[in-house]
């Protein structure tokens, strides 16, 4: 229902959408086994690059990339809640919502304290990405994030959530988007 609500409210939620798609693809085990055979027979293996990797650096980069992706995922979720609250006139206070979740039984992440602080600084925050503290953290991690996504793509390893989060970040931070390219693809 989350993806459906995002579409109905015109709220971008690509990280959430990609996780749903990943679940659907996971369920296609028999088809994926057959596809793997077809592509292996054609000389297309599991690993597509012979790029050498500094494993210690990669581990650090993956941690940074996951954290940046998490910020985007929470930003999308909070924006969806904000949009629904505005549509229904609920007047939800997102910082208070984060505080309540922290004390709950499902989402008890310490990260919610940081979200509450962001909304305490600015109750009308348009997106967690533009909160000064979260923006600083994204900026500090974006190079590692890009390295991980590029390595995954070059290696033929699917990272849908991380890739979708990076695309969301890159789209959100741009004043102008390459809309002409999208139009040309239609």
C-alpha atoms as a PDB file:
ATOM      1  CA  UNK A   1       0.000   0.000   0.000  1.00  0.00           C
ATOM      2  CA  UNK A   2       2.947   2.349   0.556  1.00  0.00           C
ATOM      3  CA  UNK A   3       3.928   2.387  -3.116  1.00  0.00           C
ATOM      4  CA  UNK A   4       0.295   2.795  -4.129  1.00  0.00           C
ATOM      5  CA  UNK A   5      -0.098   5.756  -1.761  1.00  0.00           C
ATOM      6  CA  UNK A   6       3.104   7.331  -3.076  1.00  0.00           C
ATOM      7  CA  UNK A   7       1.750   7.132  -6.632  1.00  0.00           C
ATOM      8  CA  UNK A   8      -1.665   8.482  -5.652  1.00  0.00           C
ATOM      9  CA  UNK A   9      -0.089  11.396  -3.768  1.00  0.00           C
ATOM     10  CA  UNK A  10       2.608  12.052  -6.419  1.00  0.00           C
ATOM     11  CA  UNK A  11       5.341  11.577  -3.825  1.00  0.00           C
ATOM     12  CA  UNK A  12       8.593  10.129  -5.163  1.00  0.00           C
ATOM     13  CA  UNK A  13       9.529   6.979  -3.232  1.00  0.00           C
ATOM     14  CA  UNK A  14      11.969   5.109  -5.494  1.00  0.00           C
ATOM     15  CA  UNK A  15      13.833   3.389  -2.663  1.00  0.00           C
ATOM     16  CA  UNK A  16      10.617   1.979  -1.248  1.00  0.00           C
ATOM     17  CA  UNK A  17       9.429   1.021  -4.744  1.00  0.00           C
ATOM     18  CA  UNK A  18      12.716  -0.728  -5.534  1.00  0.00           C
ATOM     19  CA  UNK A  19      12.465  -2.807  -2.368  1.00  0.00           C
ATOM     20  CA  UNK A  20       9.042  -4.021  -3.457  1.00  0.00           C
ATOM     21  CA  UNK A  21      10.341  -4.838  -6.932  1.00  0.00           C
ATOM     22  CA  UNK A  22      13.293  -6.706  -5.376  1.00  0.00           C
ATOM     23  CA  UNK A  23      10.828  -8.785  -3.380  1.00  0.00           C
ATOM     24  CA  UNK A  24       8.877  -9.617  -6.536  1.00  0.00           C
ATOM     25  CA  UNK A  25      12.074 -10.578  -8.387  1.00  0.00           C
ATOM     26  CA  UNK A  26      13.147 -12.715  -5.450  1.00  0.00           C
ATOM     27  CA  UNK A  27       9.930 -14.673  -5.837  1.00  0.00           C
ATOM     28  CA  UNK A  28      10.802 -15.547  -9.428  1.00  0.00           C
ATOM     29  CA  UNK A  29      13.422 -18.093  -8.363  1.00  0.00           C
ATOM     30  CA  UNK A  30      12.675 -20.674 -11.069  1.00  0.00           C
ATOM     31  CA  UNK A  31      12.743 -18.020 -13.779  1.00  0.00           C
ATOM     32  CA  UNK A  32      15.997 -16.558 -12.431  1.00  0.00           C
ATOM     33  CA  UNK A  33      17.628 -20.010 -12.376  1.00  0.00           C
ATOM     34  CA  UNK A  34      16.702 -20.484 -16.034  1.00  0.00           C
ATOM     35  CA  UNK A  35      17.861 -16.981 -16.949  1.00  0.00           C
ATOM     36  CA  UNK A  36      21.210 -17.588 -15.232  1.00  0.00           C
ATOM     37  CA  UNK A  37      21.688 -20.736 -17.321  1.00  0.00           C
ATOM     38  CA  UNK A  38      20.868 -18.910 -20.548  1.00  0.00           C
ATOM     39  CA  UNK A  39      23.273 -16.068 -19.854  1.00  0.00           C
ATOM     40  CA  UNK A  40      26.064 -18.314 -18.548  1.00  0.00           C
ATOM     41  CA  UNK A  41      25.779 -20.431 -21.695  1.00  0.00           C
ATOM     42  CA  UNK A  42      26.190 -17.217 -23.670  1.00  0.00           C
ATOM     43  CA  UNK A  43      29.413 -16.401 -21.815  1.00  0.00           C
ATOM     44  CA  UNK A  44      27.862 -13.894 -19.448  1.00  0.00           C
ATOM     45  CA  UNK A  45      29.094 -14.843 -15.968  1.00  0.00           C
ATOM     46  CA  UNK A  46      28.166 -13.720 -12.480  1.00  0.00           C
ATOM     47  CA  UNK A  47      31.009 -11.219 -12.101  1.00  0.00           C
ATOM     48  CA  UNK A  48      31.522  -8.844 -15.000  1.00  0.00           C
ATOM     49  CA  UNK A  49      34.668  -7.016 -13.941  1.00  0.00           C
ATOM     50  CA  UNK A  50      38.208  -7.887 -13.063  1.00  0.00           C
ATOM     51  CA  UNK A  51      38.621  -4.606 -11.219  1.00  0.00           C
ATOM     52  CA  UNK A  52      40.822  -4.974  -8.154  1.00  0.00           C
ATOM     53  CA  UNK A  53      39.215  -3.839  -4.948  1.00  0.00           C
ATOM     54  CA  UNK A  54      40.710  -2.701  -1.669  1.00  0.00           C
ATOM     55  CA  UNK A  55      38.447  -4.724   0.641  1.00  0.00           C
ATOM     56  CA  UNK A  56      39.011  -2.489   3.668  1.00  0.00           C
ATOM     57  CA  UNK A  57      38.113   0.596   1.614  1.00  0.00           C
ATOM     58  CA  UNK A  58      35.112  -1.197   0.125  1.00  0.00           C
ATOM     59  CA  UNK A  59      33.764  -2.099   3.571  1.00  0.00           C
ATOM     60  CA  UNK A  60      34.067   1.531   4.667  1.00  0.00           C
ATOM     61  CA  UNK A  61      32.477   2.726   1.414  1.00  0.00           C
ATOM     62  CA  UNK A  62      29.573   0.283   1.774  1.00  0.00           C
ATOM     63  CA  UNK A  63      28.896   1.511   5.329  1.00  0.00           C
ATOM     64  CA  UNK A  64      28.816   5.106   4.102  1.00  0.00           C
ATOM     65  CA  UNK A  65      26.664   4.209   1.097  1.00  0.00           C
ATOM     66  CA  UNK A  66      24.167   2.309   3.237  1.00  0.00           C
ATOM     67  CA  UNK A  67      23.883   5.234   5.645  1.00  0.00           C
ATOM     68  CA  UNK A  68      23.302   7.736   2.826  1.00  0.00           C
ATOM     69  CA  UNK A  69      20.716   5.388   1.312  1.00  0.00           C
ATOM     70  CA  UNK A  70      19.007   5.093   4.692  1.00  0.00           C
ATOM     71  CA  UNK A  71      18.692   8.869   4.915  1.00  0.00           C
ATOM     72  CA  UNK A  72      16.993   8.884   1.500  1.00  0.00           C
ATOM     73  CA  UNK A  73      14.672   6.041   2.450  1.00  0.00           C
ATOM     74  CA  UNK A  74      13.539   7.784   5.625  1.00  0.00           C
ATOM     75  CA  UNK A  75      13.197  11.080   3.736  1.00  0.00           C
ATOM     76  CA  UNK A  76      10.872   9.410   1.241  1.00  0.00           C
ATOM     77  CA  UNK A  77       8.813   7.800   3.988  1.00  0.00           C
ATOM     78  CA  UNK A  78       8.492  11.027   5.967  1.00  0.00           C
ATOM     79  CA  UNK A  79       7.498  12.924   2.812  1.00  0.00           C
ATOM     80  CA  UNK A  80       4.798  10.367   2.113  1.00  0.00           C
ATOM     81  CA  UNK A  81       3.417  10.728   5.645  1.00  0.00           C
ATOM     82  CA  UNK A  82       3.581  14.527   5.378  1.00  0.00           C
ATOM     83  CA  UNK A  83       1.698  14.482   2.043  1.00  0.00           C
ATOM     84  CA  UNK A  84      -1.051  12.225   3.424  1.00  0.00           C
ATOM     85  CA  UNK A  85      -1.331  14.377   6.538  1.00  0.00           C
ATOM     86  CA  UNK A  86      -1.728  17.474   4.369  1.00  0.00           C
ATOM     87  CA  UNK A  87      -4.303  15.759   2.138  1.00  0.00           C
ATOM     88  CA  UNK A  88      -6.396  14.639   5.114  1.00  0.00           C
ATOM     89  CA  UNK A  89      -5.807  17.722   7.268  1.00  0.00           C
ATOM     90  CA  UNK A  90      -4.367  15.633  10.101  1.00  0.00           C
ATOM     91  CA  UNK A  91      -1.715  18.165  11.091  1.00  0.00           C
ATOM     92  CA  UNK A  92       0.812  15.474  12.008  1.00  0.00           C
ATOM     93  CA  UNK A  93       4.029  16.693  13.574  1.00  0.00           C
ATOM     94  CA  UNK A  94       6.739  14.562  12.009  1.00  0.00           C
ATOM     95  CA  UNK A  95       9.246  15.141  14.800  1.00  0.00           C
ATOM     96  CA  UNK A  96       6.729  13.939  17.354  1.00  0.00           C
ATOM     97  CA  UNK A  97       5.911  10.954  15.165  1.00  0.00           C
ATOM     98  CA  UNK A  98       9.607   9.993  15.098  1.00  0.00           C
ATOM     99  CA  UNK A  99       9.721  10.279  18.900  1.00  0.00           C
ATOM    100  CA  UNK A 100       6.673   8.036  19.303  1.00  0.00           C
ATOM    101  CA  UNK A 101       8.105   5.428  16.922  1.00  0.00           C
ATOM    102  CA  UNK A 102      11.356   5.393  18.880  1.00  0.00           C
ATOM    103  CA  UNK A 103       9.411   4.280  21.938  1.00  0.00           C
ATOM    104  CA  UNK A 104       7.379   1.719  20.013  1.00  0.00           C
ATOM    105  CA  UNK A 105       7.988  -1.906  19.266  1.00  0.00           C
ATOM    106  CA  UNK A 106       8.561  -1.953  15.487  1.00  0.00           C
ATOM    107  CA  UNK A 107      10.861   0.942  14.570  1.00  0.00           C
ATOM    108  CA  UNK A 108      13.135   1.699  17.519  1.00  0.00           C
ATOM    109  CA  UNK A 109      16.163   2.987  15.637  1.00  0.00           C
ATOM    110  CA  UNK A 110      18.379   5.566  17.295  1.00  0.00           C
ATOM    111  CA  UNK A 111      18.282   7.242  13.892  1.00  0.00           C
ATOM    112  CA  UNK A 112      14.754   8.409  14.774  1.00  0.00           C
ATOM    113  CA  UNK A 113      16.272  10.749  17.390  1.00  0.00           C
ATOM    114  CA  UNK A 114      18.152  12.461  14.587  1.00  0.00           C
ATOM    115  CA  UNK A 115      14.955  12.769  12.544  1.00  0.00           C
ATOM    116  CA  UNK A 116      13.143  14.280  15.522  1.00  0.00           C
ATOM    117  CA  UNK A 117      15.972  16.785  15.963  1.00  0.00           C
ATOM    118  CA  UNK A 118      15.742  17.757  12.291  1.00  0.00           C
ATOM    119  CA  UNK A 119      12.032  18.507  12.620  1.00  0.00           C
ATOM    120  CA  UNK A 120      12.637  20.277  15.941  1.00  0.00           C
ATOM    121  CA  UNK A 121      15.052  22.584  14.088  1.00  0.00           C
ATOM    122  CA  UNK A 122      12.489  23.172  11.334  1.00  0.00           C
ATOM    123  CA  UNK A 123       8.936  21.871  11.739  1.00  0.00           C
ATOM    124  CA  UNK A 124       8.204  22.800   8.101  1.00  0.00           C
ATOM    125  CA  UNK A 125      11.223  20.931   6.724  1.00  0.00           C
ATOM    126  CA  UNK A 126      10.463  20.048   3.097  1.00  0.00           C
ATOM    127  CA  UNK A 127      12.769  17.017   3.078  1.00  0.00           C
ATOM    128  CA  UNK A 128      15.277  15.454   5.471  1.00  0.00           C
ATOM    129  CA  UNK A 129      17.901  15.878   2.745  1.00  0.00           C
ATOM    130  CA  UNK A 130      17.890  19.654   3.192  1.00  0.00           C
ATOM    131  CA  UNK A 131      18.265  19.572   6.960  1.00  0.00           C
ATOM    132  CA  UNK A 132      21.784  20.992   7.523  1.00  0.00           C
ATOM    133  CA  UNK A 133      22.955  17.979   9.568  1.00  0.00           C
ATOM    134  CA  UNK A 134      21.640  15.359   7.148  1.00  0.00           C
ATOM    135  CA  UNK A 135      22.875  17.377   4.145  1.00  0.00           C
ATOM    136  CA  UNK A 136      26.361  17.465   5.661  1.00  0.00           C
ATOM    137  CA  UNK A 137      26.327  13.703   6.191  1.00  0.00           C
ATOM    138  CA  UNK A 138      25.168  13.033   2.638  1.00  0.00           C
ATOM    139  CA  UNK A 139      27.861  15.328   1.226  1.00  0.00           C
ATOM    140  CA  UNK A 140      30.532  13.555   3.292  1.00  0.00           C
ATOM    141  CA  UNK A 141      29.375  10.130   2.073  1.00  0.00           C
ATOM    142  CA  UNK A 142      28.357  10.733  -1.530  1.00  0.00           C
ATOM    143  CA  UNK A 143      31.733   9.858  -3.100  1.00  0.00           C
ATOM    144  CA  UNK A 144      31.810   6.487  -1.320  1.00  0.00           C
ATOM    145  CA  UNK A 145      28.165   5.947  -2.265  1.00  0.00           C
ATOM    146  CA  UNK A 146      28.958   6.538  -5.942  1.00  0.00           C
ATOM    147  CA  UNK A 147      31.980   4.228  -5.815  1.00  0.00           C
ATOM    148  CA  UNK A 148      29.872   1.395  -4.381  1.00  0.00           C
ATOM    149  CA  UNK A 149      27.047   1.810  -6.898  1.00  0.00           C
ATOM    150  CA  UNK A 150      29.511   2.049  -9.818  1.00  0.00           C
ATOM    151  CA  UNK A 151      31.396  -1.036  -8.663  1.00  0.00           C
ATOM    152  CA  UNK A 152      28.138  -2.946  -8.282  1.00  0.00           C
ATOM    153  CA  UNK A 153      26.951  -1.922 -11.746  1.00  0.00           C
ATOM    154  CA  UNK A 154      30.306  -2.763 -13.337  1.00  0.00           C
ATOM    155  CA  UNK A 155      30.272  -6.121 -11.539  1.00  0.00           C
ATOM    156  CA  UNK A 156      26.717  -6.970 -12.573  1.00  0.00           C
ATOM    157  CA  UNK A 157      25.521  -6.940  -8.962  1.00  0.00           C
ATOM    158  CA  UNK A 158      22.034  -5.604  -8.396  1.00  0.00           C
ATOM    159  CA  UNK A 159      21.732  -2.960  -5.679  1.00  0.00           C
ATOM    160  CA  UNK A 160      18.246  -1.622  -6.368  1.00  0.00           C
ATOM    161  CA  UNK A 161      17.644   0.231  -3.105  1.00  0.00           C
ATOM    162  CA  UNK A 162      21.050   1.849  -2.992  1.00  0.00           C
ATOM    163  CA  UNK A 163      20.940   2.767  -6.686  1.00  0.00           C
ATOM    164  CA  UNK A 164      17.405   4.153  -6.398  1.00  0.00           C
ATOM    165  CA  UNK A 165      18.414   6.203  -3.363  1.00  0.00           C
ATOM    166  CA  UNK A 166      21.370   7.692  -5.206  1.00  0.00           C
ATOM    167  CA  UNK A 167      19.200   8.534  -8.223  1.00  0.00           C
ATOM    168  CA  UNK A 168      16.644  10.130  -5.868  1.00  0.00           C
ATOM    169  CA  UNK A 169      19.365  12.209  -4.221  1.00  0.00           C
ATOM    170  CA  UNK A 170      20.805  13.297  -7.560  1.00  0.00           C
ATOM    171  CA  UNK A 171      17.362  14.248  -8.882  1.00  0.00           C
ATOM    172  CA  UNK A 172      16.308  16.038  -5.701  1.00  0.00           C
ATOM    173  CA  UNK A 173      19.454  18.143  -5.430  1.00  0.00           C
ATOM    174  CA  UNK A 174      19.281  19.441  -9.015  1.00  0.00           C
ATOM    175  CA  UNK A 175      17.619  22.695  -9.928  1.00  0.00           C
ATOM    176  CA  UNK A 176      17.138  21.394 -13.469  1.00  0.00           C
ATOM    177  CA  UNK A 177      16.474  17.805 -14.468  1.00  0.00           C
ATOM    178  CA  UNK A 178      17.252  16.186 -17.827  1.00  0.00           C
ATOM    179  CA  UNK A 179      13.565  16.155 -18.793  1.00  0.00           C
ATOM    180  CA  UNK A 180      14.410  16.352 -22.496  1.00  0.00           C
ATOM    181  CA  UNK A 181      16.156  12.982 -22.244  1.00  0.00           C
ATOM    182  CA  UNK A 182      13.071  11.435 -20.641  1.00  0.00           C
ATOM    183  CA  UNK A 183      10.882  12.983 -23.331  1.00  0.00           C
ATOM    184  CA  UNK A 184      13.160  11.581 -26.049  1.00  0.00           C
ATOM    185  CA  UNK A 185      12.805   8.076 -24.572  1.00  0.00           C
ATOM    186  CA  UNK A 186       9.031   8.160 -24.969  1.00  0.00           C
END
